[in-house]
């Protein structure tokens, strides 16, 4: 990466997660070095989500943004009801 390509868009992983309420998400974004001790952590975030009232309002997308000196991290997810998962 350099001045001409200073932005890197990462997508994934994308998969369904079954969880029991509430759930804690931990997201770590790092640049791998030659060795593990040379790895640079760009962003480390932990957030919780509770589905207590989610399904009463229907399906929707949730967007969480985290900002640090080195990066912006955007996490998107959509809770599904059991009935939606069976379709």
PDB file of N, CA and C in Angstrom:
ATOM      1  N   UNK A   1       0.837  -1.169   0.000  1.00  0.00           N
ATOM      2  CA  UNK A   1       0.000   0.000   0.000  1.00  0.00           C
ATOM      3  C   UNK A   1       0.884   1.234   0.000  1.00  0.00           C
ATOM      4  N   UNK A   2       0.449   2.226  -0.737  1.00  0.00           N
ATOM      5  CA  UNK A   2       1.187   3.478  -0.798  1.00  0.00           C
ATOM      6  C   UNK A   2       0.233   4.636  -0.916  1.00  0.00           C
ATOM      7  N   UNK A   3       0.760   5.782  -1.332  1.00  0.00           N
ATOM      8  CA  UNK A   3      -0.064   6.987  -1.433  1.00  0.00           C
ATOM      9  C   UNK A   3      -1.184   6.821  -2.454  1.00  0.00           C
ATOM     10  N   UNK A   4      -0.934   6.070  -3.521  1.00  0.00           N
ATOM     11  CA  UNK A   4      -1.941   5.918  -4.574  1.00  0.00           C
ATOM     12  C   UNK A   4      -3.049   4.942  -4.185  1.00  0.00           C
ATOM     13  N   UNK A   5      -2.729   3.998  -3.352  1.00  0.00           N
ATOM     14  CA  UNK A   5      -3.734   3.010  -2.940  1.00  0.00           C
ATOM     15  C   UNK A   5      -3.772   2.908  -1.413  1.00  0.00           C
ATOM     16  N   UNK A   6      -4.047   4.023  -0.771  1.00  0.00           N
ATOM     17  CA  UNK A   6      -3.991   4.070   0.687  1.00  0.00           C
ATOM     18  C   UNK A   6      -5.224   3.475   1.366  1.00  0.00           C
ATOM     19  N   UNK A   7      -6.202   3.025   0.581  1.00  0.00           N
ATOM     20  CA  UNK A   7      -7.408   2.428   1.149  1.00  0.00           C
ATOM     21  C   UNK A   7      -7.493   0.965   0.750  1.00  0.00           C
ATOM     22  N   UNK A   8      -7.863   0.142   1.671  1.00  0.00           N
ATOM     23  CA  UNK A   8      -8.000  -1.284   1.442  1.00  0.00           C
ATOM     24  C   UNK A   8      -9.376  -1.698   1.933  1.00  0.00           C
ATOM     25  N   UNK A   9     -10.190  -2.242   1.044  1.00  0.00           N
ATOM     26  CA  UNK A   9     -11.536  -2.684   1.401  1.00  0.00           C
ATOM     27  C   UNK A   9     -11.514  -4.192   1.594  1.00  0.00           C
ATOM     28  N   UNK A  10     -11.862  -4.630   2.778  1.00  0.00           N
ATOM     29  CA  UNK A  10     -11.914  -6.057   3.090  1.00  0.00           C
ATOM     30  C   UNK A  10     -13.363  -6.464   3.267  1.00  0.00           C
ATOM     31  N   UNK A  11     -13.736  -7.566   2.682  1.00  0.00           N
ATOM     32  CA  UNK A  11     -15.086  -8.101   2.863  1.00  0.00           C
ATOM     33  C   UNK A  11     -14.966  -9.542   3.331  1.00  0.00           C
ATOM     34  N   UNK A  12     -15.823  -9.920   4.242  1.00  0.00           N
ATOM     35  CA  UNK A  12     -15.823 -11.294   4.717  1.00  0.00           C
ATOM     36  C   UNK A  12     -15.198 -11.379   6.088  1.00  0.00           C
ATOM     37  N   UNK A  13     -15.289 -12.468   6.735  1.00  0.00           N
ATOM     38  CA  UNK A  13     -16.079 -13.622   6.299  1.00  0.00           C
ATOM     39  C   UNK A  13     -17.569 -13.341   6.382  1.00  0.00           C
ATOM     40  N   UNK A  14     -18.305 -14.092   5.602  1.00  0.00           N
ATOM     41  CA  UNK A  14     -19.755 -13.927   5.575  1.00  0.00           C
ATOM     42  C   UNK A  14     -20.384 -15.282   5.873  1.00  0.00           C
ATOM     43  N   UNK A  15     -20.997 -15.395   7.029  1.00  0.00           N
ATOM     44  CA  UNK A  15     -21.617 -16.673   7.401  1.00  0.00           C
ATOM     45  C   UNK A  15     -22.693 -16.426   8.450  1.00  0.00           C
ATOM     46  N   UNK A  16     -23.545 -17.404   8.591  1.00  0.00           N
ATOM     47  CA  UNK A  16     -24.603 -17.323   9.605  1.00  0.00           C
ATOM     48  C   UNK A  16     -24.025 -17.733  10.957  1.00  0.00           C
ATOM     49  N   UNK A  17     -24.457 -17.045  11.982  1.00  0.00           N
ATOM     50  CA  UNK A  17     -24.034 -17.341  13.346  1.00  0.00           C
ATOM     51  C   UNK A  17     -25.292 -17.532  14.177  1.00  0.00           C
ATOM     52  N   UNK A  18     -25.391 -18.659  14.851  1.00  0.00           N
ATOM     53  CA  UNK A  18     -26.512 -18.897  15.758  1.00  0.00           C
ATOM     54  C   UNK A  18     -26.013 -18.563  17.158  1.00  0.00           C
ATOM     55  N   UNK A  19     -26.738 -17.701  17.838  1.00  0.00           N
ATOM     56  CA  UNK A  19     -26.285 -17.306  19.164  1.00  0.00           C
ATOM     57  C   UNK A  19     -27.446 -17.223  20.130  1.00  0.00           C
ATOM     58  N   UNK A  20     -27.096 -17.307  21.385  1.00  0.00           N
ATOM     59  CA  UNK A  20     -28.069 -17.159  22.461  1.00  0.00           C
ATOM     60  C   UNK A  20     -27.874 -15.760  23.041  1.00  0.00           C
ATOM     61  N   UNK A  21     -28.949 -15.076  23.234  1.00  0.00           N
ATOM     62  CA  UNK A  21     -28.978 -13.671  23.621  1.00  0.00           C
ATOM     63  C   UNK A  21     -28.388 -13.443  25.002  1.00  0.00           C
ATOM     64  N   UNK A  22     -27.607 -12.435  25.245  1.00  0.00           N
ATOM     65  CA  UNK A  22     -26.946 -11.554  24.284  1.00  0.00           C
ATOM     66  C   UNK A  22     -25.670 -12.195  23.754  1.00  0.00           C
ATOM     67  N   UNK A  23     -25.147 -11.640  22.678  1.00  0.00           N
ATOM     68  CA  UNK A  23     -23.918 -12.152  22.078  1.00  0.00           C
ATOM     69  C   UNK A  23     -22.876 -11.034  22.071  1.00  0.00           C
ATOM     70  N   UNK A  24     -21.623 -11.408  22.268  1.00  0.00           N
ATOM     71  CA  UNK A  24     -20.515 -10.450  22.197  1.00  0.00           C
ATOM     72  C   UNK A  24     -19.708 -10.749  20.938  1.00  0.00           C
ATOM     73  N   UNK A  25     -19.469  -9.732  20.148  1.00  0.00           N
ATOM     74  CA  UNK A  25     -18.641  -9.839  18.946  1.00  0.00           C
ATOM     75  C   UNK A  25     -17.275  -9.239  19.256  1.00  0.00           C
ATOM     76  N   UNK A  26     -16.233  -9.929  18.875  1.00  0.00           N
ATOM     77  CA  UNK A  26     -14.873  -9.399  18.991  1.00  0.00           C
ATOM     78  C   UNK A  26     -14.278  -9.351  17.594  1.00  0.00           C
ATOM     79  N   UNK A  27     -13.825  -8.174  17.187  1.00  0.00           N
ATOM     80  CA  UNK A  27     -13.269  -7.985  15.850  1.00  0.00           C
ATOM     81  C   UNK A  27     -11.847  -7.473  16.005  1.00  0.00           C
ATOM     82  N   UNK A  28     -10.914  -8.163  15.356  1.00  0.00           N
ATOM     83  CA  UNK A  28      -9.515  -7.741  15.391  1.00  0.00           C
ATOM     84  C   UNK A  28      -9.014  -7.634  13.957  1.00  0.00           C
ATOM     85  N   UNK A  29      -8.514  -6.467  13.599  1.00  0.00           N
ATOM     86  CA  UNK A  29      -7.943  -6.234  12.274  1.00  0.00           C
ATOM     87  C   UNK A  29      -6.468  -5.939  12.469  1.00  0.00           C
ATOM     88  N   UNK A  30      -5.619  -6.754  11.824  1.00  0.00           N
ATOM     89  CA  UNK A  30      -4.186  -6.541  11.994  1.00  0.00           C
ATOM     90  C   UNK A  30      -3.444  -6.800  10.695  1.00  0.00           C
ATOM     91  N   UNK A  31      -2.258  -6.221  10.603  1.00  0.00           N
ATOM     92  CA  UNK A  31      -1.360  -6.445   9.473  1.00  0.00           C
ATOM     93  C   UNK A  31      -0.333  -7.459   9.940  1.00  0.00           C
ATOM     94  N   UNK A  32      -0.219  -8.556   9.201  1.00  0.00           N
ATOM     95  CA  UNK A  32       0.706  -9.619   9.571  1.00  0.00           C
ATOM     96  C   UNK A  32       2.131  -9.220   9.206  1.00  0.00           C
ATOM     97  N   UNK A  33       3.043  -9.411  10.146  1.00  0.00           N
ATOM     98  CA  UNK A  33       4.461  -9.171   9.907  1.00  0.00           C
ATOM     99  C   UNK A  33       5.164 -10.474   9.556  1.00  0.00           C
ATOM    100  N   UNK A  34       6.471 -10.413   9.441  1.00  0.00           N
ATOM    101  CA  UNK A  34       7.258 -11.618   9.150  1.00  0.00           C
ATOM    102  C   UNK A  34       7.123 -12.639  10.286  1.00  0.00           C
ATOM    103  N   UNK A  35       7.051 -12.135  11.509  1.00  0.00           N
ATOM    104  CA  UNK A  35       6.851 -12.995  12.673  1.00  0.00           C
ATOM    105  C   UNK A  35       5.645 -12.472  13.449  1.00  0.00           C
ATOM    106  N   UNK A  36       5.140 -13.277  14.364  1.00  0.00           N
ATOM    107  CA  UNK A  36       3.957 -12.880  15.137  1.00  0.00           C
ATOM    108  C   UNK A  36       4.208 -11.618  15.964  1.00  0.00           C
ATOM    109  N   UNK A  37       5.418 -11.459  16.482  1.00  0.00           N
ATOM    110  CA  UNK A  37       5.703 -10.268  17.288  1.00  0.00           C
ATOM    111  C   UNK A  37       5.804  -9.003  16.435  1.00  0.00           C
ATOM    112  N   UNK A  38       5.899  -9.142  15.116  1.00  0.00           N
ATOM    113  CA  UNK A  38       5.927  -7.986  14.213  1.00  0.00           C
ATOM    114  C   UNK A  38       4.536  -7.601  13.713  1.00  0.00           C
ATOM    115  N   UNK A  39       3.507  -8.383  14.083  1.00  0.00           N
ATOM    116  CA  UNK A  39       2.133  -8.049  13.687  1.00  0.00           C
ATOM    117  C   UNK A  39       1.743  -6.691  14.260  1.00  0.00           C
ATOM    118  N   UNK A  40       0.999  -5.912  13.492  1.00  0.00           N
ATOM    119  CA  UNK A  40       0.521  -4.598  13.938  1.00  0.00           C
ATOM    120  C   UNK A  40      -0.998  -4.637  14.033  1.00  0.00           C
ATOM    121  N   UNK A  41      -1.534  -4.387  15.209  1.00  0.00           N
ATOM    122  CA  UNK A  41      -2.985  -4.339  15.391  1.00  0.00           C
ATOM    123  C   UNK A  41      -3.480  -2.967  14.958  1.00  0.00           C
ATOM    124  N   UNK A  42      -4.384  -2.967  13.981  1.00  0.00           N
ATOM    125  CA  UNK A  42      -4.969  -1.720  13.498  1.00  0.00           C
ATOM    126  C   UNK A  42      -6.211  -1.353  14.291  1.00  0.00           C
ATOM    127  N   UNK A  43      -6.990  -2.369  14.648  1.00  0.00           N
ATOM    128  CA  UNK A  43      -8.246  -2.109  15.338  1.00  0.00           C
ATOM    129  C   UNK A  43      -8.635  -3.357  16.133  1.00  0.00           C
ATOM    130  N   UNK A  44      -9.069  -3.153  17.355  1.00  0.00           N
ATOM    131  CA  UNK A  44      -9.561  -4.236  18.201  1.00  0.00           C
ATOM    132  C   UNK A  44     -10.803  -3.714  18.903  1.00  0.00           C
ATOM    133  N   UNK A  45     -11.940  -4.304  18.587  1.00  0.00           N
ATOM    134  CA  UNK A  45     -13.217  -3.839  19.139  1.00  0.00           C
ATOM    135  C   UNK A  45     -14.025  -5.018  19.664  1.00  0.00           C
ATOM    136  N   UNK A  46     -14.766  -4.779  20.721  1.00  0.00           N
ATOM    137  CA  UNK A  46     -15.703  -5.751  21.270  1.00  0.00           C
ATOM    138  C   UNK A  46     -17.024  -5.018  21.477  1.00  0.00           C
ATOM    139  N   UNK A  47     -18.109  -5.614  20.967  1.00  0.00           N
ATOM    140  CA  UNK A  47     -19.417  -5.007  21.200  1.00  0.00           C
ATOM    141  C   UNK A  47     -20.443  -6.102  21.414  1.00  0.00           C
ATOM    142  N   UNK A  48     -21.525  -5.762  22.105  1.00  0.00           N
ATOM    143  CA  UNK A  48     -22.591  -6.721  22.392  1.00  0.00           C
ATOM    144  C   UNK A  48     -23.840  -6.378  21.601  1.00  0.00           C
ATOM    145  N   UNK A  49     -24.610  -7.420  21.333  1.00  0.00           N
ATOM    146  CA  UNK A  49     -25.892  -7.223  20.673  1.00  0.00           C
ATOM    147  C   UNK A  49     -26.923  -8.103  21.371  1.00  0.00           C
ATOM    148  N   UNK A  50     -28.086  -7.550  21.610  1.00  0.00           N
ATOM    149  CA  UNK A  50     -29.173  -8.278  22.256  1.00  0.00           C
ATOM    150  C   UNK A  50     -30.368  -8.315  21.315  1.00  0.00           C
ATOM    151  N   UNK A  51     -30.984  -9.470  21.169  1.00  0.00           N
ATOM    152  CA  UNK A  51     -32.113  -9.625  20.241  1.00  0.00           C
ATOM    153  C   UNK A  51     -33.462  -9.523  20.928  1.00  0.00           C
ATOM    154  N   UNK A  52     -33.497  -9.035  22.136  1.00  0.00           N
ATOM    155  CA  UNK A  52     -34.739  -9.039  22.912  1.00  0.00           C
ATOM    156  C   UNK A  52     -35.914  -8.472  22.124  1.00  0.00           C
ATOM    157  N   UNK A  53     -35.729  -7.342  21.458  1.00  0.00           N
ATOM    158  CA  UNK A  53     -36.834  -6.717  20.729  1.00  0.00           C
ATOM    159  C   UNK A  53     -36.648  -6.756  19.217  1.00  0.00           C
ATOM    160  N   UNK A  54     -35.637  -7.406  18.725  1.00  0.00           N
ATOM    161  CA  UNK A  54     -35.308  -7.365  17.300  1.00  0.00           C
ATOM    162  C   UNK A  54     -36.416  -7.876  16.402  1.00  0.00           C
ATOM    163  N   UNK A  55     -36.973  -9.019  16.731  1.00  0.00           N
ATOM    164  CA  UNK A  55     -37.885  -9.675  15.802  1.00  0.00           C
ATOM    165  C   UNK A  55     -39.276  -9.060  15.786  1.00  0.00           C
ATOM    166  N   UNK A  56     -39.597  -8.257  16.754  1.00  0.00           N
ATOM    167  CA  UNK A  56     -40.903  -7.594  16.757  1.00  0.00           C
ATOM    168  C   UNK A  56     -41.021  -6.585  15.625  1.00  0.00           C
ATOM    169  N   UNK A  57     -39.886  -6.068  15.170  1.00  0.00           N
ATOM    170  CA  UNK A  57     -39.891  -5.033  14.132  1.00  0.00           C
ATOM    171  C   UNK A  57     -39.574  -5.590  12.757  1.00  0.00           C
ATOM    172  N   UNK A  58     -39.368  -6.862  12.615  1.00  0.00           N
ATOM    173  CA  UNK A  58     -39.069  -7.455  11.318  1.00  0.00           C
ATOM    174  C   UNK A  58     -37.575  -7.449  11.026  1.00  0.00           C
ATOM    175  N   UNK A  59     -37.193  -8.009   9.875  1.00  0.00           N
ATOM    176  CA  UNK A  59     -35.767  -8.084   9.534  1.00  0.00           C
ATOM    177  C   UNK A  59     -35.206  -6.692   9.218  1.00  0.00           C
ATOM    178  N   UNK A  60     -33.988  -6.466   9.608  1.00  0.00           N
ATOM    179  CA  UNK A  60     -33.327  -5.198   9.338  1.00  0.00           C
ATOM    180  C   UNK A  60     -31.819  -5.390   9.420  1.00  0.00           C
ATOM    181  N   UNK A  61     -31.076  -4.456   8.854  1.00  0.00           N
ATOM    182  CA  UNK A  61     -29.617  -4.491   8.857  1.00  0.00           C
ATOM    183  C   UNK A  61     -29.100  -3.594   9.981  1.00  0.00           C
ATOM    184  N   UNK A  62     -28.123  -4.095  10.715  1.00  0.00           N
ATOM    185  CA  UNK A  62     -27.492  -3.327  11.782  1.00  0.00           C
ATOM    186  C   UNK A  62     -26.086  -2.966  11.325  1.00  0.00           C
ATOM    187  N   UNK A  63     -25.713  -1.728  11.528  1.00  0.00           N
ATOM    188  CA  UNK A  63     -24.401  -1.238  11.102  1.00  0.00           C
ATOM    189  C   UNK A  63     -23.686  -0.630  12.307  1.00  0.00           C
ATOM    190  N   UNK A  64     -22.490  -1.122  12.570  1.00  0.00           N
ATOM    191  CA  UNK A  64     -21.656  -0.589  13.650  1.00  0.00           C
ATOM    192  C   UNK A  64     -20.363  -0.069  13.026  1.00  0.00           C
ATOM    193  N   UNK A  65     -19.978   1.145  13.379  1.00  0.00           N
ATOM    194  CA  UNK A  65     -18.733   1.728  12.886  1.00  0.00           C
ATOM    195  C   UNK A  65     -17.806   2.024  14.058  1.00  0.00           C
ATOM    196  N   UNK A  66     -16.537   1.717  13.863  1.00  0.00           N
ATOM    197  CA  UNK A  66     -15.512   1.975  14.865  1.00  0.00           C
ATOM    198  C   UNK A  66     -14.371   2.725  14.184  1.00  0.00           C
ATOM    199  N   UNK A  67     -13.879   3.744  14.853  1.00  0.00           N
ATOM    200  CA  UNK A  67     -12.843   4.591  14.275  1.00  0.00           C
ATOM    201  C   UNK A  67     -11.611   4.583  15.168  1.00  0.00           C
ATOM    202  N   UNK A  68     -10.454   4.476  14.545  1.00  0.00           N
ATOM    203  CA  UNK A  68      -9.195   4.580  15.275  1.00  0.00           C
ATOM    204  C   UNK A  68      -8.237   5.437  14.451  1.00  0.00           C
ATOM    205  N   UNK A  69      -7.054   5.660  14.992  1.00  0.00           N
ATOM    206  CA  UNK A  69      -6.066   6.457  14.271  1.00  0.00           C
ATOM    207  C   UNK A  69      -5.686   5.818  12.941  1.00  0.00           C
ATOM    208  N   UNK A  70      -5.682   4.508  12.905  1.00  0.00           N
ATOM    209  CA  UNK A  70      -5.157   3.800  11.739  1.00  0.00           C
ATOM    210  C   UNK A  70      -6.215   3.277  10.776  1.00  0.00           C
ATOM    211  N   UNK A  71      -7.463   3.189  11.215  1.00  0.00           N
ATOM    212  CA  UNK A  71      -8.458   2.598  10.320  1.00  0.00           C
ATOM    213  C   UNK A  71      -9.879   2.944  10.748  1.00  0.00           C
ATOM    214  N   UNK A  72     -10.792   2.658   9.837  1.00  0.00           N
ATOM    215  CA  UNK A  72     -12.222   2.704  10.114  1.00  0.00           C
ATOM    216  C   UNK A  72     -12.744   1.295   9.885  1.00  0.00           C
ATOM    217  N   UNK A  73     -13.458   0.773  10.837  1.00  0.00           N
ATOM    218  CA  UNK A  73     -13.998  -0.580  10.749  1.00  0.00           C
ATOM    219  C   UNK A  73     -15.514  -0.494  10.743  1.00  0.00           C
ATOM    220  N   UNK A  74     -16.129  -1.083   9.731  1.00  0.00           N
ATOM    221  CA  UNK A  74     -17.588  -1.114   9.631  1.00  0.00           C
ATOM    222  C   UNK A  74     -18.040  -2.569   9.645  1.00  0.00           C
ATOM    223  N   UNK A  75     -18.938  -2.895  10.550  1.00  0.00           N
ATOM    224  CA  UNK A  75     -19.492  -4.244  10.662  1.00  0.00           C
ATOM    225  C   UNK A  75     -20.983  -4.149  10.387  1.00  0.00           C
ATOM    226  N   UNK A  76     -21.473  -5.000   9.484  1.00  0.00           N
ATOM    227  CA  UNK A  76     -22.904  -5.041   9.173  1.00  0.00           C
ATOM    228  C   UNK A  76     -23.414  -6.451   9.423  1.00  0.00           C
ATOM    229  N   UNK A  77     -24.589  -6.530  10.033  1.00  0.00           N
ATOM    230  CA  UNK A  77     -25.206  -7.838  10.228  1.00  0.00           C
ATOM    231  C   UNK A  77     -26.707  -7.676  10.329  1.00  0.00           C
ATOM    232  N   UNK A  78     -27.413  -8.778  10.071  1.00  0.00           N
ATOM    233  CA  UNK A  78     -28.876  -8.771  10.109  1.00  0.00           C
ATOM    234  C   UNK A  78     -29.351  -9.969  10.914  1.00  0.00           C
ATOM    235  N   UNK A  79     -30.029  -9.735  12.020  1.00  0.00           N
ATOM    236  CA  UNK A  79     -30.585 -10.854  12.785  1.00  0.00           C
ATOM    237  C   UNK A  79     -31.759 -11.481  12.039  1.00  0.00           C
ATOM    238  N   UNK A  80     -31.816 -12.796  12.047  1.00  0.00           N
ATOM    239  CA  UNK A  80     -32.902 -13.530  11.391  1.00  0.00           C
ATOM    240  C   UNK A  80     -33.682 -14.305  12.442  1.00  0.00           C
ATOM    241  N   UNK A  81     -34.968 -14.391  12.245  1.00  0.00           N
ATOM    242  CA  UNK A  81     -35.775 -15.205  13.152  1.00  0.00           C
ATOM    243  C   UNK A  81     -35.598 -16.675  12.789  1.00  0.00           C
ATOM    244  N   UNK A  82     -36.005 -17.543  13.673  1.00  0.00           N
ATOM    245  CA  UNK A  82     -35.921 -18.981  13.408  1.00  0.00           C
ATOM    246  C   UNK A  82     -36.717 -19.328  12.158  1.00  0.00           C
ATOM    247  N   UNK A  83     -37.847 -18.685  11.947  1.00  0.00           N
ATOM    248  CA  UNK A  83     -38.689 -18.967  10.785  1.00  0.00           C
ATOM    249  C   UNK A  83     -37.990 -18.578   9.492  1.00  0.00           C
ATOM    250  N   UNK A  84     -37.243 -17.486   9.487  1.00  0.00           N
ATOM    251  CA  UNK A  84     -36.513 -17.074   8.294  1.00  0.00           C
ATOM    252  C   UNK A  84     -35.395 -18.050   7.981  1.00  0.00           C
ATOM    253  N   UNK A  85     -34.761 -18.630   8.997  1.00  0.00           N
ATOM    254  CA  UNK A  85     -33.665 -19.563   8.769  1.00  0.00           C
ATOM    255  C   UNK A  85     -34.168 -20.883   8.210  1.00  0.00           C
ATOM    256  N   UNK A  86     -35.415 -21.237   8.471  1.00  0.00           N
ATOM    257  CA  UNK A  86     -35.960 -22.502   7.989  1.00  0.00           C
ATOM    258  C   UNK A  86     -36.392 -22.434   6.531  1.00  0.00           C
ATOM    259  N   UNK A  87     -36.562 -21.251   5.988  1.00  0.00           N
ATOM    260  CA  UNK A  87     -37.007 -21.106   4.593  1.00  0.00           C
ATOM    261  C   UNK A  87     -35.923 -21.451   3.618  1.00  0.00           C
TER     262      UNK A  87
END
